[in-house]
Amino acid sequence: MIQDYIENYLNKARYEMIDGRKKFYAEVKNLRGVWATGKTLEECRNNLANTIEGWLILRLKKNLAIPNFKIPSIRLKVKV
């Protein structure tokens, strides 16, 4: 579930080259403050995945809203 969430936003991220085409920059528009850089596109994506994961952990710890994050409900049958 969490890996799917991260992968979804990695695919939605905007990637561009910066610093005279020496670095990659990525940001996720819908996740405020989530961005990363890297020397290669792969490094940038890995850094962005780690950033999204950290962002999720922080939001969960602080009980803040997380866009499009659904926690499945679990139904238990209790015999009386």
PDB file of N, CA and C in Angstrom:
ATOM      1  N   MET A   1       0.822  -1.187   0.000  1.00  0.00           N
ATOM      2  CA  MET A   1       0.000   0.000   0.000  1.00  0.00           C
ATOM      3  C   MET A   1       0.874   1.262   0.000  1.00  0.00           C
ATOM      4  N   ILE A   2       1.829   1.345   0.900  1.00  0.00           N
ATOM      5  CA  ILE A   2       2.688   2.531   0.953  1.00  0.00           C
ATOM      6  C   ILE A   2       3.584   2.588  -0.277  1.00  0.00           C
ATOM      7  N   GLN A   3       4.121   1.438  -0.683  1.00  0.00           N
ATOM      8  CA  GLN A   3       4.978   1.412  -1.871  1.00  0.00           C
ATOM      9  C   GLN A   3       4.200   1.831  -3.112  1.00  0.00           C
ATOM     10  N   ASP A   4       2.942   1.417  -3.201  1.00  0.00           N
ATOM     11  CA  ASP A   4       2.091   1.823  -4.331  1.00  0.00           C
ATOM     12  C   ASP A   4       1.870   3.329  -4.328  1.00  0.00           C
ATOM     13  N   TYR A   5       1.669   3.893  -3.141  1.00  0.00           N
ATOM     14  CA  TYR A   5       1.469   5.338  -3.003  1.00  0.00           C
ATOM     15  C   TYR A   5       2.719   6.081  -3.488  1.00  0.00           C
ATOM     16  N   ILE A   6       3.881   5.631  -3.036  1.00  0.00           N
ATOM     17  CA  ILE A   6       5.143   6.264  -3.437  1.00  0.00           C
ATOM     18  C   ILE A   6       5.339   6.147  -4.944  1.00  0.00           C
ATOM     19  N   GLU A   7       5.128   4.961  -5.483  1.00  0.00           N
ATOM     20  CA  GLU A   7       5.305   4.736  -6.924  1.00  0.00           C
ATOM     21  C   GLU A   7       4.358   5.608  -7.744  1.00  0.00           C
ATOM     22  N   ASN A   8       3.134   5.741  -7.278  1.00  0.00           N
ATOM     23  CA  ASN A   8       2.157   6.578  -7.967  1.00  0.00           C
ATOM     24  C   ASN A   8       2.653   8.023  -8.075  1.00  0.00           C
ATOM     25  N   TYR A   9       3.177   8.557  -6.972  1.00  0.00           N
ATOM     26  CA  TYR A   9       3.645   9.941  -7.000  1.00  0.00           C
ATOM     27  C   TYR A   9       4.996  10.094  -7.696  1.00  0.00           C
ATOM     28  N   LEU A  10       5.807   9.058  -7.721  1.00  0.00           N
ATOM     29  CA  LEU A  10       7.035   9.117  -8.526  1.00  0.00           C
ATOM     30  C   LEU A  10       6.678   9.288  -9.998  1.00  0.00           C
ATOM     31  N   ASN A  11       5.618   8.626 -10.417  1.00  0.00           N
ATOM     32  CA  ASN A  11       5.180   8.726 -11.810  1.00  0.00           C
ATOM     33  C   ASN A  11       4.501  10.056 -12.118  1.00  0.00           C
ATOM     34  N   LYS A  12       3.949  10.710 -11.099  1.00  0.00           N
ATOM     35  CA  LYS A  12       3.287  12.006 -11.293  1.00  0.00           C
ATOM     36  C   LYS A  12       4.253  13.183 -11.141  1.00  0.00           C
ATOM     37  N   ALA A  13       5.448  12.915 -10.643  1.00  0.00           N
ATOM     38  CA  ALA A  13       6.416  13.990 -10.376  1.00  0.00           C
ATOM     39  C   ALA A  13       6.844  14.677 -11.671  1.00  0.00           C
ATOM     40  N   ARG A  14       7.274  15.921 -11.509  1.00  0.00           N
ATOM     41  CA  ARG A  14       7.821  16.691 -12.633  1.00  0.00           C
ATOM     42  C   ARG A  14       9.338  16.658 -12.491  1.00  0.00           C
ATOM     43  N   TYR A  15      10.008  16.229 -13.539  1.00  0.00           N
ATOM     44  CA  TYR A  15      11.471  16.105 -13.540  1.00  0.00           C
ATOM     45  C   TYR A  15      12.057  17.107 -14.527  1.00  0.00           C
ATOM     46  N   GLU A  16      13.187  17.712 -14.142  1.00  0.00           N
ATOM     47  CA  GLU A  16      13.881  18.619 -15.060  1.00  0.00           C
ATOM     48  C   GLU A  16      15.371  18.625 -14.742  1.00  0.00           C
ATOM     49  N   MET A  17      16.154  19.076 -15.716  1.00  0.00           N
ATOM     50  CA  MET A  17      17.595  19.204 -15.511  1.00  0.00           C
ATOM     51  C   MET A  17      17.885  20.631 -15.056  1.00  0.00           C
ATOM     52  N   ILE A  18      18.822  20.760 -14.104  1.00  0.00           N
ATOM     53  CA  ILE A  18      19.186  22.070 -13.567  1.00  0.00           C
ATOM     54  C   ILE A  18      20.709  22.199 -13.539  1.00  0.00           C
ATOM     55  N   ASP A  19      21.184  23.348 -13.077  1.00  0.00           N
ATOM     56  CA  ASP A  19      22.626  23.611 -12.952  1.00  0.00           C
ATOM     57  C   ASP A  19      23.374  23.323 -14.248  1.00  0.00           C
ATOM     58  N   GLY A  20      22.905  23.928 -15.320  1.00  0.00           N
ATOM     59  CA  GLY A  20      23.580  23.733 -16.603  1.00  0.00           C
ATOM     60  C   GLY A  20      23.542  22.293 -17.074  1.00  0.00           C
ATOM     61  N   ARG A  21      22.441  21.625 -16.791  1.00  0.00           N
ATOM     62  CA  ARG A  21      22.214  20.233 -17.205  1.00  0.00           C
ATOM     63  C   ARG A  21      23.165  19.250 -16.506  1.00  0.00           C
ATOM     64  N   LYS A  22      23.583  19.591 -15.276  1.00  0.00           N
ATOM     65  CA  LYS A  22      24.472  18.710 -14.516  1.00  0.00           C
ATOM     66  C   LYS A  22      23.728  17.913 -13.444  1.00  0.00           C
ATOM     67  N   LYS A  23      22.494  18.312 -13.126  1.00  0.00           N
ATOM     68  CA  LYS A  23      21.712  17.670 -12.075  1.00  0.00           C
ATOM     69  C   LYS A  23      20.269  17.526 -12.519  1.00  0.00           C
ATOM     70  N   PHE A  24      19.590  16.598 -11.876  1.00  0.00           N
ATOM     71  CA  PHE A  24      18.153  16.449 -12.069  1.00  0.00           C
ATOM     72  C   PHE A  24      17.433  16.974 -10.832  1.00  0.00           C
ATOM     73  N   TYR A  25      16.288  17.566 -11.060  1.00  0.00           N
ATOM     74  CA  TYR A  25      15.430  18.079  -9.996  1.00  0.00           C
ATOM     75  C   TYR A  25      14.045  17.492 -10.217  1.00  0.00           C
ATOM     76  N   ALA A  26      13.394  17.087  -9.135  1.00  0.00           N
ATOM     77  CA  ALA A  26      12.033  16.554  -9.234  1.00  0.00           C
ATOM     78  C   ALA A  26      11.199  17.115  -8.097  1.00  0.00           C
ATOM     79  N   GLU A  27       9.932  17.348  -8.393  1.00  0.00           N
ATOM     80  CA  GLU A  27       9.009  17.771  -7.349  1.00  0.00           C
ATOM     81  C   GLU A  27       7.648  17.153  -7.605  1.00  0.00           C
ATOM     82  N   VAL A  28       6.902  17.009  -6.526  1.00  0.00           N
ATOM     83  CA  VAL A  28       5.539  16.490  -6.608  1.00  0.00           C
ATOM     84  C   VAL A  28       4.617  17.637  -6.238  1.00  0.00           C
ATOM     85  N   LYS A  29       3.920  18.152  -7.216  1.00  0.00           N
ATOM     86  CA  LYS A  29       3.080  19.334  -7.037  1.00  0.00           C
ATOM     87  C   LYS A  29       2.039  19.148  -5.933  1.00  0.00           C
ATOM     88  N   ASN A  30       1.424  17.973  -5.865  1.00  0.00           N
ATOM     89  CA  ASN A  30       0.334  17.747  -4.914  1.00  0.00           C
ATOM     90  C   ASN A  30       0.795  17.439  -3.494  1.00  0.00           C
ATOM     91  N   LEU A  31       2.091  17.253  -3.291  1.00  0.00           N
ATOM     92  CA  LEU A  31       2.624  16.976  -1.959  1.00  0.00           C
ATOM     93  C   LEU A  31       3.523  18.139  -1.563  1.00  0.00           C
ATOM     94  N   ARG A  32       2.983  19.040  -0.788  1.00  0.00           N
ATOM     95  CA  ARG A  32       3.677  20.284  -0.435  1.00  0.00           C
ATOM     96  C   ARG A  32       5.049  20.010   0.193  1.00  0.00           C
ATOM     97  N   GLY A  33       6.070  20.643  -0.382  1.00  0.00           N
ATOM     98  CA  GLY A  33       7.419  20.545   0.147  1.00  0.00           C
ATOM     99  C   GLY A  33       8.196  19.307  -0.274  1.00  0.00           C
ATOM    100  N   VAL A  34       7.620  18.490  -1.145  1.00  0.00           N
ATOM    101  CA  VAL A  34       8.293  17.255  -1.564  1.00  0.00           C
ATOM    102  C   VAL A  34       9.062  17.498  -2.858  1.00  0.00           C
ATOM    103  N   TRP A  35      10.397  17.446  -2.760  1.00  0.00           N
ATOM    104  CA  TRP A  35      11.265  17.623  -3.924  1.00  0.00           C
ATOM    105  C   TRP A  35      12.588  16.911  -3.643  1.00  0.00           C
ATOM    106  N   ALA A  36      13.359  16.695  -4.695  1.00  0.00           N
ATOM    107  CA  ALA A  36      14.656  16.026  -4.549  1.00  0.00           C
ATOM    108  C   ALA A  36      15.532  16.366  -5.745  1.00  0.00           C
ATOM    109  N   THR A  37      16.840  16.121  -5.586  1.00  0.00           N
ATOM    110  CA  THR A  37      17.793  16.301  -6.682  1.00  0.00           C
ATOM    111  C   THR A  37      18.681  15.061  -6.759  1.00  0.00           C
ATOM    112  N   GLY A  38      19.400  14.948  -7.852  1.00  0.00           N
ATOM    113  CA  GLY A  38      20.346  13.853  -8.023  1.00  0.00           C
ATOM    114  C   GLY A  38      21.209  14.087  -9.245  1.00  0.00           C
ATOM    115  N   LYS A  39      22.376  13.453  -9.274  1.00  0.00           N
ATOM    116  CA  LYS A  39      23.283  13.597 -10.417  1.00  0.00           C
ATOM    117  C   LYS A  39      22.744  12.892 -11.651  1.00  0.00           C
ATOM    118  N   THR A  40      21.945  11.853 -11.440  1.00  0.00           N
ATOM    119  CA  THR A  40      21.315  11.127 -12.548  1.00  0.00           C
ATOM    120  C   THR A  40      19.811  11.086 -12.287  1.00  0.00           C
ATOM    121  N   LEU A  41      19.054  10.749 -13.317  1.00  0.00           N
ATOM    122  CA  LEU A  41      17.609  10.630 -13.148  1.00  0.00           C
ATOM    123  C   LEU A  41      17.282   9.527 -12.138  1.00  0.00           C
ATOM    124  N   GLU A  42      18.002   8.422 -12.204  1.00  0.00           N
ATOM    125  CA  GLU A  42      17.772   7.314 -11.267  1.00  0.00           C
ATOM    126  C   GLU A  42      18.043   7.744  -9.825  1.00  0.00           C
ATOM    127  N   GLU A  43      19.138   8.456  -9.598  1.00  0.00           N
ATOM    128  CA  GLU A  43      19.455   8.939  -8.253  1.00  0.00           C
ATOM    129  C   GLU A  43      18.389   9.913  -7.776  1.00  0.00           C
ATOM    130  N   CYS A  44      17.943  10.773  -8.668  1.00  0.00           N
ATOM    131  CA  CYS A  44      16.902  11.740  -8.331  1.00  0.00           C
ATOM    132  C   CYS A  44      15.610  11.019  -7.935  1.00  0.00           C
ATOM    133  N   ARG A  45      15.212  10.007  -8.699  1.00  0.00           N
ATOM    134  CA  ARG A  45      13.994   9.233  -8.385  1.00  0.00           C
ATOM    135  C   ARG A  45      14.132   8.505  -7.048  1.00  0.00           C
ATOM    136  N   ASN A  46      15.301   7.931  -6.779  1.00  0.00           N
ATOM    137  CA  ASN A  46      15.527   7.262  -5.490  1.00  0.00           C
ATOM    138  C   ASN A  46      15.437   8.256  -4.342  1.00  0.00           C
ATOM    139  N   ASN A  47      16.057   9.423  -4.522  1.00  0.00           N
ATOM    140  CA  ASN A  47      15.996  10.461  -3.494  1.00  0.00           C
ATOM    141  C   ASN A  47      14.562  10.938  -3.291  1.00  0.00           C
ATOM    142  N   LEU A  48      13.816  11.067  -4.387  1.00  0.00           N
ATOM    143  CA  LEU A  48      12.426  11.500  -4.287  1.00  0.00           C
ATOM    144  C   LEU A  48      11.586  10.438  -3.571  1.00  0.00           C
ATOM    145  N   ALA A  49      11.825   9.173  -3.849  1.00  0.00           N
ATOM    146  CA  ALA A  49      11.102   8.093  -3.159  1.00  0.00           C
ATOM    147  C   ALA A  49      11.357   8.157  -1.658  1.00  0.00           C
ATOM    148  N   ASN A  50      12.607   8.381  -1.256  1.00  0.00           N
ATOM    149  CA  ASN A  50      12.941   8.513   0.165  1.00  0.00           C
ATOM    150  C   ASN A  50      12.277   9.735   0.777  1.00  0.00           C
ATOM    151  N   THR A  51      12.214  10.819   0.015  1.00  0.00           N
ATOM    152  CA  THR A  51      11.575  12.040   0.498  1.00  0.00           C
ATOM    153  C   THR A  51      10.080  11.821   0.700  1.00  0.00           C
ATOM    154  N   ILE A  52       9.429  11.167  -0.254  1.00  0.00           N
ATOM    155  CA  ILE A  52       7.995  10.884  -0.123  1.00  0.00           C
ATOM    156  C   ILE A  52       7.746   9.987   1.089  1.00  0.00           C
ATOM    157  N   GLU A  53       8.591   8.980   1.275  1.00  0.00           N
ATOM    158  CA  GLU A  53       8.447   8.086   2.425  1.00  0.00           C
ATOM    159  C   GLU A  53       8.582   8.860   3.740  1.00  0.00           C
ATOM    160  N   GLY A  54       9.585   9.713   3.843  1.00  0.00           N
ATOM    161  CA  GLY A  54       9.767  10.528   5.041  1.00  0.00           C
ATOM    162  C   GLY A  54       8.606  11.476   5.262  1.00  0.00           C
ATOM    163  N   TRP A  55       8.100  12.063   4.184  1.00  0.00           N
ATOM    164  CA  TRP A  55       6.953  12.965   4.245  1.00  0.00           C
ATOM    165  C   TRP A  55       5.735  12.211   4.786  1.00  0.00           C
ATOM    166  N   LEU A  56       5.522  10.982   4.287  1.00  0.00           N
ATOM    167  CA  LEU A  56       4.401  10.158   4.760  1.00  0.00           C
ATOM    168  C   LEU A  56       4.525   9.847   6.250  1.00  0.00           C
ATOM    169  N   ILE A  57       5.700   9.437   6.677  1.00  0.00           N
ATOM    170  CA  ILE A  57       5.921   9.098   8.085  1.00  0.00           C
ATOM    171  C   ILE A  57       5.640  10.300   8.976  1.00  0.00           C
ATOM    172  N   LEU A  58       6.143  11.456   8.582  1.00  0.00           N
ATOM    173  CA  LEU A  58       5.916  12.672   9.362  1.00  0.00           C
ATOM    174  C   LEU A  58       4.432  13.005   9.440  1.00  0.00           C
ATOM    175  N   ARG A  59       3.737  12.936   8.299  1.00  0.00           N
ATOM    176  CA  ARG A  59       2.301  13.242   8.271  1.00  0.00           C
ATOM    177  C   ARG A  59       1.524  12.266   9.157  1.00  0.00           C
ATOM    178  N   LEU A  60       1.890  10.982   9.113  1.00  0.00           N
ATOM    179  CA  LEU A  60       1.207   9.989   9.949  1.00  0.00           C
ATOM    180  C   LEU A  60       1.466  10.239  11.433  1.00  0.00           C
ATOM    181  N   LYS A  61       2.714  10.538  11.796  1.00  0.00           N
ATOM    182  CA  LYS A  61       3.051  10.800  13.201  1.00  0.00           C
ATOM    183  C   LYS A  61       2.311  12.011  13.746  1.00  0.00           C
ATOM    184  N   LYS A  62       2.136  13.028  12.901  1.00  0.00           N
ATOM    185  CA  LYS A  62       1.480  14.261  13.342  1.00  0.00           C
ATOM    186  C   LYS A  62      -0.025  14.249  13.078  1.00  0.00           C
ATOM    187  N   ASN A  63      -0.530  13.106  12.609  1.00  0.00           N
ATOM    188  CA  ASN A  63      -1.955  12.944  12.319  1.00  0.00           C
ATOM    189  C   ASN A  63      -2.469  14.019  11.358  1.00  0.00           C
ATOM    190  N   LEU A  64      -1.682  14.285  10.313  1.00  0.00           N
ATOM    191  CA  LEU A  64      -2.056  15.268   9.295  1.00  0.00           C
ATOM    192  C   LEU A  64      -2.631  14.556   8.081  1.00  0.00           C
ATOM    193  N   ALA A  65      -3.430  15.279   7.334  1.00  0.00           N
ATOM    194  CA  ALA A  65      -4.057  14.710   6.138  1.00  0.00           C
ATOM    195  C   ALA A  65      -3.003  14.312   5.109  1.00  0.00           C
ATOM    196  N   ILE A  66      -3.284  13.230   4.416  1.00  0.00           N
ATOM    197  CA  ILE A  66      -2.418  12.738   3.343  1.00  0.00           C
ATOM    198  C   ILE A  66      -3.290  12.587   2.104  1.00  0.00           C
ATOM    199  N   PRO A  67      -3.009  13.378   1.056  1.00  0.00           N
ATOM    200  CA  PRO A  67      -3.844  13.319  -0.150  1.00  0.00           C
ATOM    201  C   PRO A  67      -3.893  11.920  -0.766  1.00  0.00           C
ATOM    202  N   ASN A  68      -5.090  11.480  -1.086  1.00  0.00           N
ATOM    203  CA  ASN A  68      -5.316  10.218  -1.807  1.00  0.00           C
ATOM    204  C   ASN A  68      -4.741   8.985  -1.115  1.00  0.00           C
ATOM    205  N   PHE A  69      -4.622   9.021   0.188  1.00  0.00           N
ATOM    206  CA  PHE A  69      -4.100   7.879   0.939  1.00  0.00           C
ATOM    207  C   PHE A  69      -5.262   7.201   1.643  1.00  0.00           C
ATOM    208  N   LYS A  70      -5.532   5.984   1.250  1.00  0.00           N
ATOM    209  CA  LYS A  70      -6.661   5.240   1.809  1.00  0.00           C
ATOM    210  C   LYS A  70      -6.140   4.082   2.654  1.00  0.00           C
ATOM    211  N   ILE A  71      -6.595   4.035   3.880  1.00  0.00           N
ATOM    212  CA  ILE A  71      -6.258   2.920   4.753  1.00  0.00           C
ATOM    213  C   ILE A  71      -7.443   1.958   4.714  1.00  0.00           C
ATOM    214  N   PRO A  72      -7.204   0.737   4.285  1.00  0.00           N
ATOM    215  CA  PRO A  72      -8.328  -0.199   4.185  1.00  0.00           C
ATOM    216  C   PRO A  72      -8.926  -0.501   5.549  1.00  0.00           C
ATOM    217  N   SER A  73     -10.241  -0.585   5.589  1.00  0.00           N
ATOM    218  CA  SER A  73     -10.892  -0.926   6.848  1.00  0.00           C
ATOM    219  C   SER A  73     -10.896  -2.446   7.004  1.00  0.00           C
ATOM    220  N   ILE A  74     -10.816  -2.858   8.229  1.00  0.00           N
ATOM    221  CA  ILE A  74     -10.800  -4.284   8.534  1.00  0.00           C
ATOM    222  C   ILE A  74     -12.060  -4.603   9.337  1.00  0.00           C
ATOM    223  N   ARG A  75     -12.812  -5.557   8.861  1.00  0.00           N
ATOM    224  CA  ARG A  75     -14.023  -5.970   9.568  1.00  0.00           C
ATOM    225  C   ARG A  75     -13.738  -7.291  10.278  1.00  0.00           C
ATOM    226  N   LEU A  76     -14.025  -7.283  11.551  1.00  0.00           N
ATOM    227  CA  LEU A  76     -13.853  -8.494  12.346  1.00  0.00           C
ATOM    228  C   LEU A  76     -15.223  -9.022  12.743  1.00  0.00           C
ATOM    229  N   LYS A  77     -15.396 -10.310  12.638  1.00  0.00           N
ATOM    230  CA  LYS A  77     -16.641 -10.930  13.084  1.00  0.00           C
ATOM    231  C   LYS A  77     -16.432 -11.430  14.506  1.00  0.00           C
ATOM    232  N   VAL A  78     -17.315 -11.013  15.359  1.00  0.00           N
ATOM    233  CA  VAL A  78     -17.232 -11.417  16.757  1.00  0.00           C
ATOM    234  C   VAL A  78     -18.427 -12.309  17.063  1.00  0.00           C
ATOM    235  N   LYS A  79     -18.165 -13.501  17.559  1.00  0.00           N
ATOM    236  CA  LYS A  79     -19.246 -14.406  17.950  1.00  0.00           C
ATOM    237  C   LYS A  79     -19.590 -14.151  19.406  1.00  0.00           C
ATOM    238  N   VAL A  80     -20.874 -13.998  19.641  1.00  0.00           N
ATOM    239  CA  VAL A  80     -21.334 -13.739  21.009  1.00  0.00           C
ATOM    240  C   VAL A  80     -22.063 -14.935  21.534  1.00  0.00           C
TER     241      VAL A  80
END
